[in-house]
Amino acid sequence: MAIALRHEENLSHEEKLTVDSLARLIRGEVELIWHRGYYPAVLCQQALPRITTECEAAGYTLTDDFQSLGTSLGEAAENTTNAERYLATAAETTALIRQKIFDGQLSPTDLLRLDVDELWPYGATVARYRGQTMLPGIIRRWPGGAHANPHIDQRDIPLLESYRLTRRIGVNVYLQVPEPGNGGEIDFWGIFSSEAEYVSRKRADYGLDRTALGDPHFSVLPGQGDLLMFDAARVHGVRRVERGARVTAACFLGVRGTSDPLVLFA
């Protein structure tokens, strides 16, 4: 039986990250911000060999469908042991990304944090849990054959409980993308009426069954250096990479009230 999701007509997006476009995305008035060429392509290229080396050496417990540099919040939400590892390794992972991967240059998620801090009237800060700084950014890599099941990124998890988030914005900066026709697109479907409904439909491993969702409502294949921001409550997944690789620097913006600072985490 197909999974029932709300379907929005006339999907809209903004083409630049600005004061107005950020506010409109947070209010749910647009589905996407797709800012082309947000991060310099030359810095993307310089980082890719280091990312490949580090991702090949890293272990990611949630799935073997793609690679991840650093323990993610998705892993942390699975059990207490993962949550403790997430917090214990956040500083080490952040240093690795900043110093080794980007060689002292501003990383994509650090650039995003600085921009959002200036664009949002009440600023932005890295999220914390009981005094411990959470991971502000992560690197993910999809080599040939890799994909990501359709899923949402839930607000209602223990590490985020104190923030009482009303919305979770997904952020991807694309460091490498397959050539068109070789997969790697990010597909989008609708939004569940509640996170409980999503949880009741989850697969045994992670995410949802793509075949039960039907065709995506829309798909995007960004270019190298592009920034994509979207409501992470919208079901989204990555198509199988047939040739080449897909690499992103990713984080989330947590939204509380309209007069609260945004919080960043990964």
C-alpha atoms as a PDB file:
ATOM      1  CA  MET A   1       0.000   0.000   0.000  1.00  0.00           C
ATOM      2  CA  ALA A   2       1.334   3.444  -0.887  1.00  0.00           C
ATOM      3  CA  ILE A   3       2.224   5.806   1.939  1.00  0.00           C
ATOM      4  CA  ALA A   4      -0.079   8.830   2.070  1.00  0.00           C
ATOM      5  CA  LEU A   5       1.638  12.214   2.183  1.00  0.00           C
ATOM      6  CA  ARG A   6       0.406  15.749   1.756  1.00  0.00           C
ATOM      7  CA  HIS A   7       1.072  17.001  -1.767  1.00  0.00           C
ATOM      8  CA  GLU A   8       1.809  20.692  -2.302  1.00  0.00           C
ATOM      9  CA  GLU A   9       1.128  22.304  -5.673  1.00  0.00           C
ATOM     10  CA  ASN A  10       3.143  25.165  -7.195  1.00  0.00           C
ATOM     11  CA  LEU A  11       6.366  24.373  -5.369  1.00  0.00           C
ATOM     12  CA  SER A  12       8.524  27.464  -5.077  1.00  0.00           C
ATOM     13  CA  HIS A  13      12.154  28.237  -4.272  1.00  0.00           C
ATOM     14  CA  GLU A  14      14.514  31.140  -3.714  1.00  0.00           C
ATOM     15  CA  GLU A  15      17.781  31.492  -5.633  1.00  0.00           C
ATOM     16  CA  LYS A  16      19.893  33.317  -3.028  1.00  0.00           C
ATOM     17  CA  LEU A  17      20.391  33.089   0.734  1.00  0.00           C
ATOM     18  CA  THR A  18      19.229  36.493   1.943  1.00  0.00           C
ATOM     19  CA  VAL A  19      17.447  38.008   4.931  1.00  0.00           C
ATOM     20  CA  ASP A  20      14.126  37.659   3.124  1.00  0.00           C
ATOM     21  CA  SER A  21      14.635  34.174   1.644  1.00  0.00           C
ATOM     22  CA  LEU A  22      15.793  32.749   4.993  1.00  0.00           C
ATOM     23  CA  ALA A  23      12.748  34.208   6.743  1.00  0.00           C
ATOM     24  CA  ARG A  24      10.427  32.859   4.037  1.00  0.00           C
ATOM     25  CA  LEU A  25      11.918  29.363   4.287  1.00  0.00           C
ATOM     26  CA  ILE A  26      11.605  29.388   8.069  1.00  0.00           C
ATOM     27  CA  ARG A  27       7.970  30.499   7.821  1.00  0.00           C
ATOM     28  CA  GLY A  28       7.282  27.712   5.316  1.00  0.00           C
ATOM     29  CA  GLU A  29       6.430  30.101   2.467  1.00  0.00           C
ATOM     30  CA  VAL A  30       8.954  28.495   0.082  1.00  0.00           C
ATOM     31  CA  GLU A  31      10.162  24.908  -0.193  1.00  0.00           C
ATOM     32  CA  LEU A  32      13.823  25.502  -1.044  1.00  0.00           C
ATOM     33  CA  ILE A  33      16.681  27.934  -1.104  1.00  0.00           C
ATOM     34  CA  TRP A  34      18.962  26.888  -3.965  1.00  0.00           C
ATOM     35  CA  HIS A  35      21.942  29.246  -3.955  1.00  0.00           C
ATOM     36  CA  ARG A  36      24.197  28.348  -6.895  1.00  0.00           C
ATOM     37  CA  GLY A  37      27.940  28.766  -6.476  1.00  0.00           C
ATOM     38  CA  TYR A  38      27.707  29.494  -2.747  1.00  0.00           C
ATOM     39  CA  TYR A  39      31.082  27.880  -1.935  1.00  0.00           C
ATOM     40  CA  PRO A  40      34.135  28.301  -4.228  1.00  0.00           C
ATOM     41  CA  ALA A  41      34.624  25.362  -6.596  1.00  0.00           C
ATOM     42  CA  VAL A  42      38.403  25.532  -6.174  1.00  0.00           C
ATOM     43  CA  LEU A  43      38.046  24.876  -2.430  1.00  0.00           C
ATOM     44  CA  CYS A  44      35.670  22.004  -3.145  1.00  0.00           C
ATOM     45  CA  GLN A  45      38.226  20.408  -5.458  1.00  0.00           C
ATOM     46  CA  GLN A  46      41.082  20.836  -2.993  1.00  0.00           C
ATOM     47  CA  ALA A  47      39.117  19.119  -0.221  1.00  0.00           C
ATOM     48  CA  LEU A  48      37.891  16.092  -2.201  1.00  0.00           C
ATOM     49  CA  PRO A  49      41.019  13.844  -1.993  1.00  0.00           C
ATOM     50  CA  ARG A  50      41.207  14.370   1.771  1.00  0.00           C
ATOM     51  CA  ILE A  51      37.491  13.649   2.147  1.00  0.00           C
ATOM     52  CA  THR A  52      37.784  10.394   0.197  1.00  0.00           C
ATOM     53  CA  THR A  53      40.686   9.222   2.365  1.00  0.00           C
ATOM     54  CA  GLU A  54      39.007  10.083   5.668  1.00  0.00           C
ATOM     55  CA  CYS A  55      35.572   8.725   4.685  1.00  0.00           C
ATOM     56  CA  GLU A  56      37.062   5.420   3.541  1.00  0.00           C
ATOM     57  CA  ALA A  57      38.705   5.054   6.959  1.00  0.00           C
ATOM     58  CA  ALA A  58      35.642   6.099   8.990  1.00  0.00           C
ATOM     59  CA  GLY A  59      32.951   3.760  10.298  1.00  0.00           C
ATOM     60  CA  TYR A  60      29.303   4.751  10.123  1.00  0.00           C
ATOM     61  CA  THR A  61      26.970   2.551  12.158  1.00  0.00           C
ATOM     62  CA  LEU A  62      23.566   3.714  10.927  1.00  0.00           C
ATOM     63  CA  THR A  63      23.873   2.345   7.376  1.00  0.00           C
ATOM     64  CA  ASP A  64      26.416   1.210   4.811  1.00  0.00           C
ATOM     65  CA  ASP A  65      24.449   2.915   2.006  1.00  0.00           C
ATOM     66  CA  PHE A  66      26.806   5.931   2.200  1.00  0.00           C
ATOM     67  CA  GLN A  67      29.841   7.174   4.123  1.00  0.00           C
ATOM     68  CA  SER A  68      29.928   9.773   6.890  1.00  0.00           C
ATOM     69  CA  LEU A  69      32.814  11.612   8.475  1.00  0.00           C
ATOM     70  CA  GLY A  70      31.923  11.887  12.144  1.00  0.00           C
ATOM     71  CA  THR A  71      29.132  10.450  14.277  1.00  0.00           C
ATOM     72  CA  SER A  72      25.890  12.056  13.143  1.00  0.00           C
ATOM     73  CA  LEU A  73      22.859  13.127  15.138  1.00  0.00           C
ATOM     74  CA  GLY A  74      20.954  10.361  13.342  1.00  0.00           C
ATOM     75  CA  GLU A  75      23.296   7.796  14.895  1.00  0.00           C
ATOM     76  CA  ALA A  76      23.118   9.554  18.261  1.00  0.00           C
ATOM     77  CA  ALA A  77      19.331   9.259  18.303  1.00  0.00           C
ATOM     78  CA  GLU A  78      19.523   5.460  18.002  1.00  0.00           C
ATOM     79  CA  ASN A  79      20.753   4.698  21.535  1.00  0.00           C
ATOM     80  CA  THR A  80      22.561   6.098  24.581  1.00  0.00           C
ATOM     81  CA  THR A  81      25.952   4.698  23.586  1.00  0.00           C
ATOM     82  CA  ASN A  82      25.818   6.483  20.237  1.00  0.00           C
ATOM     83  CA  ALA A  83      24.668   9.706  21.903  1.00  0.00           C
ATOM     84  CA  GLU A  84      27.619   9.606  24.270  1.00  0.00           C
ATOM     85  CA  ARG A  85      30.013   8.980  21.375  1.00  0.00           C
ATOM     86  CA  TYR A  86      28.445  11.817  19.402  1.00  0.00           C
ATOM     87  CA  LEU A  87      29.092  14.309  22.190  1.00  0.00           C
ATOM     88  CA  ALA A  88      32.542  12.930  23.030  1.00  0.00           C
ATOM     89  CA  THR A  89      33.791  13.116  19.428  1.00  0.00           C
ATOM     90  CA  ALA A  90      32.132  16.365  18.293  1.00  0.00           C
ATOM     91  CA  ALA A  91      35.174  18.571  18.974  1.00  0.00           C
ATOM     92  CA  GLU A  92      37.565  16.073  17.375  1.00  0.00           C
ATOM     93  CA  THR A  93      35.408  15.780  14.244  1.00  0.00           C
ATOM     94  CA  THR A  94      35.054  19.558  13.976  1.00  0.00           C
ATOM     95  CA  ALA A  95      38.827  20.011  14.213  1.00  0.00           C
ATOM     96  CA  LEU A  96      39.398  17.323  11.592  1.00  0.00           C
ATOM     97  CA  ILE A  97      37.008  18.998   9.143  1.00  0.00           C
ATOM     98  CA  ARG A  98      38.366  22.493   9.707  1.00  0.00           C
ATOM     99  CA  GLN A  99      42.073  21.749   9.890  1.00  0.00           C
ATOM    100  CA  LYS A 100      42.640  18.642   7.777  1.00  0.00           C
ATOM    101  CA  ILE A 101      39.808  18.585   5.255  1.00  0.00           C
ATOM    102  CA  PHE A 102      39.672  22.319   4.521  1.00  0.00           C
ATOM    103  CA  ASP A 103      43.273  23.067   5.524  1.00  0.00           C
ATOM    104  CA  GLY A 104      42.448  26.123   7.595  1.00  0.00           C
ATOM    105  CA  GLN A 105      40.060  27.614   5.006  1.00  0.00           C
ATOM    106  CA  LEU A 106      36.532  28.418   6.129  1.00  0.00           C
ATOM    107  CA  SER A 107      34.487  25.209   5.815  1.00  0.00           C
ATOM    108  CA  PRO A 108      31.108  25.369   4.038  1.00  0.00           C
ATOM    109  CA  THR A 109      29.097  24.875   7.229  1.00  0.00           C
ATOM    110  CA  ASP A 110      31.179  27.446   9.115  1.00  0.00           C
ATOM    111  CA  LEU A 111      30.538  29.921   6.283  1.00  0.00           C
ATOM    112  CA  LEU A 112      26.841  29.123   6.480  1.00  0.00           C
ATOM    113  CA  ARG A 113      26.821  29.682  10.243  1.00  0.00           C
ATOM    114  CA  LEU A 114      28.462  33.089   9.911  1.00  0.00           C
ATOM    115  CA  ASP A 115      26.071  34.147   7.156  1.00  0.00           C
ATOM    116  CA  VAL A 116      22.961  32.988   9.011  1.00  0.00           C
ATOM    117  CA  ASP A 117      24.150  34.665  12.220  1.00  0.00           C
ATOM    118  CA  GLU A 118      24.143  37.969  10.333  1.00  0.00           C
ATOM    119  CA  LEU A 119      20.973  37.355   8.308  1.00  0.00           C
ATOM    120  CA  TRP A 120      18.671  36.152  11.093  1.00  0.00           C
ATOM    121  CA  PRO A 121      17.674  39.095  13.346  1.00  0.00           C
ATOM    122  CA  TYR A 122      18.376  37.130  16.521  1.00  0.00           C
ATOM    123  CA  GLY A 123      21.579  35.445  15.360  1.00  0.00           C
ATOM    124  CA  ALA A 124      22.662  31.820  15.250  1.00  0.00           C
ATOM    125  CA  THR A 125      24.795  29.645  17.491  1.00  0.00           C
ATOM    126  CA  VAL A 126      26.032  26.061  17.684  1.00  0.00           C
ATOM    127  CA  ALA A 127      23.659  23.873  19.707  1.00  0.00           C
ATOM    128  CA  ARG A 128      24.699  22.538  23.111  1.00  0.00           C
ATOM    129  CA  TYR A 129      23.530  19.661  25.247  1.00  0.00           C
ATOM    130  CA  ARG A 130      24.060  19.955  29.007  1.00  0.00           C
ATOM    131  CA  GLY A 131      27.031  22.226  28.471  1.00  0.00           C
ATOM    132  CA  GLN A 132      28.624  20.149  25.704  1.00  0.00           C
ATOM    133  CA  THR A 133      28.955  21.640  22.233  1.00  0.00           C
ATOM    134  CA  MET A 134      27.247  19.590  19.550  1.00  0.00           C
ATOM    135  CA  LEU A 135      28.671  18.884  16.104  1.00  0.00           C
ATOM    136  CA  PRO A 136      28.189  21.985  13.884  1.00  0.00           C
ATOM    137  CA  GLY A 137      28.819  20.262  10.558  1.00  0.00           C
ATOM    138  CA  ILE A 138      29.428  16.881   8.962  1.00  0.00           C
ATOM    139  CA  ILE A 139      30.744  15.454   5.680  1.00  0.00           C
ATOM    140  CA  ARG A 140      28.851  12.761   3.753  1.00  0.00           C
ATOM    141  CA  ARG A 141      30.008  10.850   0.683  1.00  0.00           C
ATOM    142  CA  TRP A 142      28.056   8.624  -1.715  1.00  0.00           C
ATOM    143  CA  PRO A 143      30.461   6.615  -3.920  1.00  0.00           C
ATOM    144  CA  GLY A 144      29.258   4.611  -6.909  1.00  0.00           C
ATOM    145  CA  GLY A 145      26.339   2.374  -5.923  1.00  0.00           C
ATOM    146  CA  ALA A 146      25.439   4.378  -2.804  1.00  0.00           C
ATOM    147  CA  HIS A 147      22.090   5.983  -2.043  1.00  0.00           C
ATOM    148  CA  ALA A 148      19.985   7.213   0.879  1.00  0.00           C
ATOM    149  CA  ASN A 149      16.510   5.891   1.662  1.00  0.00           C
ATOM    150  CA  PRO A 150      13.698   8.462   1.790  1.00  0.00           C
ATOM    151  CA  HIS A 151      13.451   9.846   5.321  1.00  0.00           C
ATOM    152  CA  ILE A 152      12.732  12.875   7.454  1.00  0.00           C
ATOM    153  CA  ASP A 153      15.050  14.373  10.042  1.00  0.00           C
ATOM    154  CA  GLN A 154      13.081  14.347  13.277  1.00  0.00           C
ATOM    155  CA  ARG A 155      12.831  17.218  15.758  1.00  0.00           C
ATOM    156  CA  ASP A 156      11.646  15.076  18.655  1.00  0.00           C
ATOM    157  CA  ILE A 157      14.867  13.420  19.817  1.00  0.00           C
ATOM    158  CA  PRO A 158      16.455  13.594  23.296  1.00  0.00           C
ATOM    159  CA  LEU A 159      19.531  15.662  22.369  1.00  0.00           C
ATOM    160  CA  LEU A 160      17.299  18.414  20.962  1.00  0.00           C
ATOM    161  CA  GLU A 161      14.517  18.236  23.543  1.00  0.00           C
ATOM    162  CA  SER A 162      15.527  21.344  25.514  1.00  0.00           C
ATOM    163  CA  TYR A 163      15.279  23.547  22.419  1.00  0.00           C
ATOM    164  CA  ARG A 164      11.619  22.696  21.710  1.00  0.00           C
ATOM    165  CA  LEU A 165      12.191  23.108  17.983  1.00  0.00           C
ATOM    166  CA  THR A 166       9.304  24.094  15.746  1.00  0.00           C
ATOM    167  CA  ARG A 167      11.171  23.434  12.503  1.00  0.00           C
ATOM    168  CA  ARG A 168      14.403  21.772  11.363  1.00  0.00           C
ATOM    169  CA  ILE A 169      16.029  23.130   8.210  1.00  0.00           C
ATOM    170  CA  GLY A 170      18.319  20.792   6.266  1.00  0.00           C
ATOM    171  CA  VAL A 171      21.470  22.340   4.790  1.00  0.00           C
ATOM    172  CA  ASN A 172      23.691  20.776   2.121  1.00  0.00           C
ATOM    173  CA  VAL A 173      26.654  22.353   0.363  1.00  0.00           C
ATOM    174  CA  TYR A 174      27.635  20.204  -2.627  1.00  0.00           C
ATOM    175  CA  LEU A 175      31.354  19.577  -2.931  1.00  0.00           C
ATOM    176  CA  GLN A 176      31.058  16.979  -5.710  1.00  0.00           C
ATOM    177  CA  VAL A 177      28.136  15.782  -7.835  1.00  0.00           C
ATOM    178  CA  PRO A 178      27.815  13.074 -10.492  1.00  0.00           C
ATOM    179  CA  GLU A 179      27.410  14.145 -14.089  1.00  0.00           C
ATOM    180  CA  PRO A 180      23.725  14.498 -15.083  1.00  0.00           C
ATOM    181  CA  GLY A 181      22.211  11.104 -15.794  1.00  0.00           C
ATOM    182  CA  ASN A 182      24.440   9.302 -13.291  1.00  0.00           C
ATOM    183  CA  GLY A 183      22.211   9.611 -10.212  1.00  0.00           C
ATOM    184  CA  GLY A 184      22.807  11.476  -6.970  1.00  0.00           C
ATOM    185  CA  GLU A 185      19.685  13.636  -7.231  1.00  0.00           C
ATOM    186  CA  ILE A 186      17.908  14.556  -4.027  1.00  0.00           C
ATOM    187  CA  ASP A 187      14.239  13.585  -4.322  1.00  0.00           C
ATOM    188  CA  PHE A 188      11.437  15.197  -2.336  1.00  0.00           C
ATOM    189  CA  TRP A 189       7.979  13.952  -1.388  1.00  0.00           C
ATOM    190  CA  GLY A 190       5.361  15.426   0.958  1.00  0.00           C
ATOM    191  CA  ILE A 191       5.173  15.965   4.706  1.00  0.00           C
ATOM    192  CA  PHE A 192       3.659  13.595   7.269  1.00  0.00           C
ATOM    193  CA  SER A 193       0.960  14.954   9.542  1.00  0.00           C
ATOM    194  CA  SER A 194       3.131  13.971  12.539  1.00  0.00           C
ATOM    195  CA  GLU A 195       6.504  12.469  13.323  1.00  0.00           C
ATOM    196  CA  ALA A 196       4.709   9.573  14.996  1.00  0.00           C
ATOM    197  CA  GLU A 197       3.176   8.675  11.639  1.00  0.00           C
ATOM    198  CA  TYR A 198       6.638   8.644  10.079  1.00  0.00           C
ATOM    199  CA  VAL A 199       8.036   6.438  12.855  1.00  0.00           C
ATOM    200  CA  SER A 200       5.195   3.951  12.377  1.00  0.00           C
ATOM    201  CA  ARG A 201       6.127   3.607   8.695  1.00  0.00           C
ATOM    202  CA  LYS A 202       9.911   3.280   9.055  1.00  0.00           C
ATOM    203  CA  ARG A 203      11.865   0.369   7.633  1.00  0.00           C
ATOM    204  CA  ALA A 204      13.791  -1.998   9.913  1.00  0.00           C
ATOM    205  CA  ASP A 205      17.099  -0.345   8.917  1.00  0.00           C
ATOM    206  CA  TYR A 206      16.376   3.354   8.389  1.00  0.00           C
ATOM    207  CA  GLY A 207      14.021   5.587   6.456  1.00  0.00           C
ATOM    208  CA  LEU A 208      11.099   4.574   4.269  1.00  0.00           C
ATOM    209  CA  ASP A 209      10.442   2.181   1.421  1.00  0.00           C
ATOM    210  CA  ARG A 210      10.936   4.190  -1.784  1.00  0.00           C
ATOM    211  CA  THR A 211       8.593   1.970  -3.783  1.00  0.00           C
ATOM    212  CA  ALA A 212       5.724   2.650  -1.362  1.00  0.00           C
ATOM    213  CA  LEU A 213       6.097   6.415  -1.790  1.00  0.00           C
ATOM    214  CA  GLY A 214       5.605   6.524  -5.534  1.00  0.00           C
ATOM    215  CA  ASP A 215       7.243   9.108  -7.761  1.00  0.00           C
ATOM    216  CA  PRO A 216       8.872  12.057  -5.993  1.00  0.00           C
ATOM    217  CA  HIS A 217       7.072  15.389  -6.109  1.00  0.00           C
ATOM    218  CA  PHE A 218      10.265  17.055  -7.329  1.00  0.00           C
ATOM    219  CA  SER A 219      13.996  16.322  -7.689  1.00  0.00           C
ATOM    220  CA  VAL A 220      17.119  18.475  -7.619  1.00  0.00           C
ATOM    221  CA  LEU A 221      20.671  17.838  -8.877  1.00  0.00           C
ATOM    222  CA  PRO A 222      22.719  20.835  -7.672  1.00  0.00           C
ATOM    223  CA  GLY A 223      26.109  21.773  -9.057  1.00  0.00           C
ATOM    224  CA  GLN A 224      29.480  21.865  -7.316  1.00  0.00           C
ATOM    225  CA  GLY A 225      29.541  24.593  -4.669  1.00  0.00           C
ATOM    226  CA  ASP A 226      25.748  24.974  -4.587  1.00  0.00           C
ATOM    227  CA  LEU A 227      23.854  25.462  -1.321  1.00  0.00           C
ATOM    228  CA  LEU A 228      20.505  23.753  -0.801  1.00  0.00           C
ATOM    229  CA  MET A 229      18.270  24.475   2.216  1.00  0.00           C
ATOM    230  CA  PHE A 230      14.870  22.858   2.874  1.00  0.00           C
ATOM    231  CA  ASP A 231      12.438  21.849   5.593  1.00  0.00           C
ATOM    232  CA  ALA A 232      13.832  18.535   6.874  1.00  0.00           C
ATOM    233  CA  ALA A 233      10.292  17.412   7.807  1.00  0.00           C
ATOM    234  CA  ARG A 234       9.711  16.946   4.076  1.00  0.00           C
ATOM    235  CA  VAL A 235      10.484  13.358   3.061  1.00  0.00           C
ATOM    236  CA  HIS A 236      13.723  13.339   1.053  1.00  0.00           C
ATOM    237  CA  GLY A 237      16.199  10.776  -0.215  1.00  0.00           C
ATOM    238  CA  VAL A 238      19.211  10.419  -2.517  1.00  0.00           C
ATOM    239  CA  ARG A 239      19.019   8.444  -5.749  1.00  0.00           C
ATOM    240  CA  ARG A 240      21.570   5.713  -6.347  1.00  0.00           C
ATOM    241  CA  VAL A 241      24.872   7.059  -7.675  1.00  0.00           C
ATOM    242  CA  GLU A 242      25.631   5.126 -10.847  1.00  0.00           C
ATOM    243  CA  ARG A 243      28.989   6.714 -11.674  1.00  0.00           C
ATOM    244  CA  GLY A 244      31.235   9.224  -9.931  1.00  0.00           C
ATOM    245  CA  ALA A 245      30.499  10.383  -6.378  1.00  0.00           C
ATOM    246  CA  ARG A 246      28.256  12.745  -4.457  1.00  0.00           C
ATOM    247  CA  VAL A 247      29.856  14.639  -1.547  1.00  0.00           C
ATOM    248  CA  THR A 248      28.181  17.171   0.732  1.00  0.00           C
ATOM    249  CA  ALA A 249      29.012  19.288   3.745  1.00  0.00           C
ATOM    250  CA  ALA A 250      25.847  19.234   5.822  1.00  0.00           C
ATOM    251  CA  CYS A 251      24.215  20.610   8.949  1.00  0.00           C
ATOM    252  CA  PHE A 252      20.818  21.638  10.279  1.00  0.00           C
ATOM    253  CA  LEU A 253      19.291  24.898  11.438  1.00  0.00           C
ATOM    254  CA  GLY A 254      16.997  24.434  14.408  1.00  0.00           C
ATOM    255  CA  VAL A 255      14.139  26.926  14.594  1.00  0.00           C
ATOM    256  CA  ARG A 256      12.470  27.812  17.888  1.00  0.00           C
ATOM    257  CA  GLY A 257      10.397  30.987  18.120  1.00  0.00           C
ATOM    258  CA  THR A 258      10.446  33.914  15.712  1.00  0.00           C
ATOM    259  CA  SER A 259      12.499  35.941  18.212  1.00  0.00           C
ATOM    260  CA  ASP A 260      14.989  33.229  19.233  1.00  0.00           C
ATOM    261  CA  PRO A 261      18.498  32.536  17.893  1.00  0.00           C
ATOM    262  CA  LEU A 262      18.755  29.679  15.411  1.00  0.00           C
ATOM    263  CA  VAL A 263      20.795  26.675  16.553  1.00  0.00           C
ATOM    264  CA  LEU A 264      23.144  24.690  14.320  1.00  0.00           C
ATOM    265  CA  PHE A 265      23.932  20.990  14.647  1.00  0.00           C
ATOM    266  CA  ALA A 266      24.784  17.978  12.496  1.00  0.00           C
END
